């Protein structure tokens, strides 16, 4: 599923370009990059916690979801908000 995400993102950007123009696509692309950075931070922390303390994977993944949301919100506030 994650392997298809870049292809779908590019297709979405191409379709959006035809409908809304380049300025809108630039905003969408920056938002996608911010989401990817937030997911990477979340995945790194989840991996660290799972390797260090060996808790249950589902519990750890759910418990750390606020980290993903907080990182995305912080990136939005610093980088994307206008």
Protein backbone atom coordinates (compact mmCIF):
# COMPACT_ATOMS: atom_id res chain seq x y z
CA UNK A 1 0.00 0.00 0.00
CA UNK A 2 2.77 2.48 0.90
CA UNK A 3 4.63 1.68 -2.33
CA UNK A 4 1.66 2.98 -4.35
CA UNK A 5 1.44 6.27 -2.44
CA UNK A 6 4.04 8.20 -4.50
CA UNK A 7 2.39 7.17 -7.76
CA UNK A 8 -1.04 8.17 -6.52
CA UNK A 9 0.34 11.46 -5.19
CA UNK A 10 1.89 12.31 -8.55
CA UNK A 11 -1.29 11.39 -10.42
CA UNK A 12 -3.28 13.55 -8.02
CA UNK A 13 -0.94 16.48 -8.61
CA UNK A 14 -1.22 16.11 -12.39
CA UNK A 15 -5.03 16.00 -12.27
CA UNK A 16 -5.10 18.94 -9.85
CA UNK A 17 -2.81 20.93 -12.15
CA UNK A 18 -5.29 20.60 -14.99
CA UNK A 19 -8.22 21.64 -12.81
CA UNK A 20 -6.83 24.30 -10.42
CA UNK A 21 -3.49 25.53 -11.77
CA UNK A 22 0.10 25.60 -10.64
CA UNK A 23 -0.26 27.75 -7.50
CA UNK A 24 -2.73 25.30 -5.98
CA UNK A 25 -0.53 22.34 -6.93
CA UNK A 26 2.48 23.97 -5.26
CA UNK A 27 0.52 24.26 -2.01
CA UNK A 28 -0.65 20.65 -2.29
CA UNK A 29 2.89 19.42 -2.95
CA UNK A 30 4.26 21.26 0.09
CA UNK A 31 1.47 19.75 2.17
CA UNK A 32 2.37 16.27 0.92
CA UNK A 33 6.01 16.83 1.85
CA UNK A 34 5.03 18.01 5.33
CA UNK A 35 2.85 14.93 5.80
CA UNK A 36 5.68 12.67 4.69
CA UNK A 37 8.10 14.33 7.12
CA UNK A 38 5.57 13.93 9.94
CA UNK A 39 5.04 10.26 9.05
CA UNK A 40 8.80 9.66 8.94
CA UNK A 41 9.21 11.14 12.44
CA UNK A 42 6.32 9.00 13.70
CA UNK A 43 7.73 5.84 12.10
CA UNK A 44 11.19 6.49 13.57
CA UNK A 45 9.82 6.94 17.09
CA UNK A 46 7.55 3.89 16.82
CA UNK A 47 10.48 1.80 15.58
CA UNK A 48 12.72 3.03 18.39
CA UNK A 49 10.11 2.29 21.06
CA UNK A 50 9.39 -1.17 19.64
CA UNK A 51 13.08 -2.10 19.51
CA UNK A 52 13.99 -0.59 22.88
CA UNK A 53 11.13 -1.74 25.14
CA UNK A 54 9.38 -4.41 23.02
CA UNK A 55 5.76 -3.46 23.73
CA UNK A 56 2.86 -4.65 21.59
CA UNK A 57 3.03 -3.12 18.11
CA UNK A 58 -0.63 -2.12 17.84
CA UNK A 59 -0.64 -0.46 21.26
CA UNK A 60 2.54 1.46 20.45
CA UNK A 61 1.34 2.55 17.02
CA UNK A 62 -1.96 3.83 18.38
CA UNK A 63 -0.42 5.45 21.45
CA UNK A 64 2.05 7.41 19.35
CA UNK A 65 -0.45 8.65 16.73
CA UNK A 66 -0.69 12.03 18.51
CA UNK A 67 3.02 12.45 17.73
CA UNK A 68 2.25 12.21 14.01
CA UNK A 69 -0.58 14.73 14.31
CA UNK A 70 1.48 17.10 16.48
CA UNK A 71 4.40 16.98 14.05
CA UNK A 72 2.10 17.66 11.10
CA UNK A 73 0.43 20.54 12.97
CA UNK A 74 3.79 22.03 13.92
CA UNK A 75 5.02 21.83 10.33
CA UNK A 76 1.80 23.45 9.16
CA UNK A 77 2.12 26.27 11.70
CA UNK A 78 5.78 26.95 10.88
CA UNK A 79 6.00 26.19 7.17
CA UNK A 80 2.61 26.08 5.47
CA UNK A 81 0.37 28.62 7.19
CA UNK A 82 -0.06 31.90 5.39
